Amino acid sequence: MTSPPGPGAGFGLPKASRLLKRREFLRLKSARHASRANVSDFMVVCAPNGLGRNRLGVTATKKTGCSVVRSRLKREAREYFRLRNPCWPQGLDVLFVARPGSRQWPPLHELHGGDAEKRLVKALRRSLELASPGRPR
């Protein structure tokens, strides 16, 4: 019998793909070119980061539920980002904000290709278009 891979191995997100500092979250929430979309149990905020790769941040307050619920929602958002990120436009900071309330939608990983994902990709593209240099403001 083999043991499961340790913390260094596997499919996690590297630090370069995550928002880690409070100032990064605050910059994203107040960004001039941020766009928003509602996807499943999350509000998604995205804005260009100028890095050429996407980064993810996830927040969930106590209003969302107990620690078990908050952790599950965060894991779900990270996994969704990890799986779908290669298909999205690159160069964005993406923030998943868990919304308070009961679970009304299927888990994010079951939304591939549906209306919710189309809204998310549209918001990602809109955010990049707003920040493109030749666009009048």
Protein backbone atom coordinates (compact mmCIF):
# COMPACT_ATOMS: atom_id res chain seq x y z
CA MET A 1 0.00 0.00 0.00
CA THR A 2 1.35 3.42 -0.87
CA SER A 3 0.99 6.52 1.25
CA PRO A 4 -0.66 9.69 -0.07
CA PRO A 5 1.62 12.41 -1.43
CA GLY A 6 3.05 14.77 1.18
CA PRO A 7 2.33 18.48 1.44
CA GLY A 8 5.04 19.38 -1.11
CA ALA A 9 3.66 17.08 -3.81
CA GLY A 10 0.29 17.09 -5.45
CA PHE A 11 -1.95 19.61 -7.09
CA GLY A 12 -1.88 22.62 -4.77
CA LEU A 13 -1.51 26.23 -5.83
CA PRO A 14 2.01 27.65 -5.61
CA LYS A 15 2.51 30.91 -3.72
CA ALA A 16 3.06 32.74 -7.00
CA SER A 17 -0.56 31.90 -7.93
CA ARG A 18 -2.13 33.26 -4.73
CA LEU A 19 -2.90 36.64 -3.21
CA LEU A 20 -1.19 36.51 0.16
CA LYS A 21 -1.04 39.98 1.66
CA ARG A 22 -3.84 42.18 2.96
CA ARG A 23 -2.76 45.07 0.75
CA GLU A 24 -3.18 42.86 -2.35
CA PHE A 25 -6.78 42.09 -1.35
CA LEU A 26 -7.53 45.76 -0.61
CA ARG A 27 -5.99 46.89 -3.91
CA LEU A 28 -8.12 44.41 -5.78
CA LYS A 29 -11.37 45.40 -4.05
CA SER A 30 -10.76 49.09 -4.78
CA ALA A 31 -9.26 48.67 -8.27
CA ARG A 32 -10.49 51.11 -10.88
CA HIS A 33 -10.73 48.45 -13.58
CA ALA A 34 -12.26 45.69 -11.45
CA SER A 35 -15.25 43.78 -12.74
CA ARG A 36 -17.61 41.58 -10.78
CA ALA A 37 -19.71 38.49 -11.39
CA ASN A 38 -21.91 36.25 -9.24
CA VAL A 39 -20.98 32.59 -9.54
CA SER A 40 -22.58 29.92 -7.38
CA ASP A 41 -22.03 30.86 -3.71
CA PHE A 42 -19.40 33.48 -4.57
CA MET A 43 -19.05 37.02 -5.78
CA VAL A 44 -15.99 37.14 -8.03
CA VAL A 45 -13.94 40.34 -8.33
CA CYS A 46 -11.18 40.50 -10.92
CA ALA A 47 -8.73 43.16 -12.03
CA PRO A 48 -5.55 43.20 -14.16
CA ASN A 49 -2.30 42.61 -12.30
CA GLY A 50 0.32 43.16 -15.02
CA LEU A 51 2.09 39.87 -14.23
CA GLY A 52 1.03 37.77 -17.20
CA ARG A 53 -0.47 35.09 -14.95
CA ASN A 54 -3.59 34.81 -12.83
CA ARG A 55 -3.53 34.90 -9.05
CA LEU A 56 -6.30 33.81 -6.67
CA GLY A 57 -7.59 35.17 -3.39
CA VAL A 58 -10.46 33.69 -1.38
CA THR A 59 -12.32 35.28 1.53
CA ALA A 60 -15.13 33.99 3.72
CA THR A 61 -16.46 35.77 6.82
CA LYS A 62 -18.13 34.18 9.82
CA LYS A 63 -21.48 35.21 8.35
CA THR A 64 -20.87 32.57 5.69
CA GLY A 65 -21.05 29.75 8.23
CA CYS A 66 -19.03 27.79 10.74
CA SER A 67 -15.35 27.08 10.13
CA VAL A 68 -16.13 23.79 8.42
CA VAL A 69 -18.37 25.52 5.85
CA ARG A 70 -15.89 28.37 5.30
CA SER A 71 -13.00 25.95 4.78
CA ARG A 72 -15.04 23.83 2.36
CA LEU A 73 -15.99 26.89 0.30
CA LYS A 74 -12.35 28.04 0.20
CA ARG A 75 -11.12 24.59 -0.88
CA GLU A 76 -13.81 24.48 -3.54
CA ALA A 77 -12.82 27.91 -4.91
CA ARG A 78 -9.11 26.99 -5.00
CA GLU A 79 -9.82 23.73 -6.80
CA TYR A 80 -12.09 25.45 -9.33
CA PHE A 81 -9.39 28.05 -10.00
CA ARG A 82 -6.70 25.39 -10.33
CA LEU A 83 -8.73 23.40 -12.86
CA ARG A 84 -10.16 26.27 -14.92
CA ASN A 85 -7.35 28.83 -14.82
CA PRO A 86 -5.60 27.59 -18.01
CA CYS A 87 -8.82 28.29 -20.00
CA TRP A 88 -9.19 31.87 -18.74
CA PRO A 89 -7.57 35.08 -19.99
CA GLN A 90 -4.25 35.59 -18.18
CA GLY A 91 -2.87 38.57 -16.26
CA LEU A 92 -5.63 38.95 -13.66
CA ASP A 93 -6.03 38.91 -9.91
CA VAL A 94 -9.21 36.97 -9.11
CA LEU A 95 -10.92 37.24 -5.71
CA PHE A 96 -13.66 34.80 -4.71
CA VAL A 97 -15.78 36.29 -1.90
CA ALA A 98 -18.04 33.70 -0.25
CA ARG A 99 -21.56 35.02 0.21
CA PRO A 100 -23.55 34.42 3.38
CA GLY A 101 -26.53 32.14 3.19
CA SER A 102 -27.51 28.57 2.63
CA ARG A 103 -26.13 26.43 -0.12
CA GLN A 104 -28.45 27.01 -3.08
CA TRP A 105 -26.16 26.13 -5.97
CA PRO A 106 -24.17 23.05 -6.91
CA PRO A 107 -20.46 23.07 -6.07
CA LEU A 108 -18.28 25.17 -8.38
CA HIS A 109 -16.60 22.16 -9.95
CA GLU A 110 -20.00 21.07 -11.33
CA LEU A 111 -20.47 24.37 -13.19
CA HIS A 112 -18.00 23.78 -16.05
CA GLY A 113 -19.35 25.36 -19.21
CA GLY A 114 -22.64 26.49 -17.66
CA ASP A 115 -24.16 29.97 -17.42
CA ALA A 116 -22.31 30.75 -14.18
CA GLU A 117 -18.95 30.04 -15.77
CA LYS A 118 -19.88 32.10 -18.83
CA ARG A 119 -20.66 35.06 -16.53
CA LEU A 120 -17.29 34.62 -14.83
CA VAL A 121 -15.29 34.46 -18.07
CA LYS A 122 -17.20 37.49 -19.38
CA ALA A 123 -16.21 39.43 -16.23
CA LEU A 124 -12.58 38.35 -16.64
CA ARG A 125 -12.49 39.54 -20.24
CA ARG A 126 -14.29 42.79 -19.39
CA SER A 127 -11.71 43.53 -16.72
CA LEU A 128 -8.86 43.10 -19.20
CA GLU A 129 -10.63 45.23 -21.82
CA LEU A 130 -11.19 48.08 -19.35
CA ALA A 131 -7.50 48.15 -18.55
CA SER A 132 -6.19 47.96 -22.12
CA PRO A 133 -4.08 51.05 -22.92
CA GLY A 134 -5.80 52.26 -26.12
CA ARG A 135 -9.31 52.34 -24.66
CA PRO A 136 -10.93 55.74 -23.96
CA ARG A 137 -11.98 56.25 -20.35
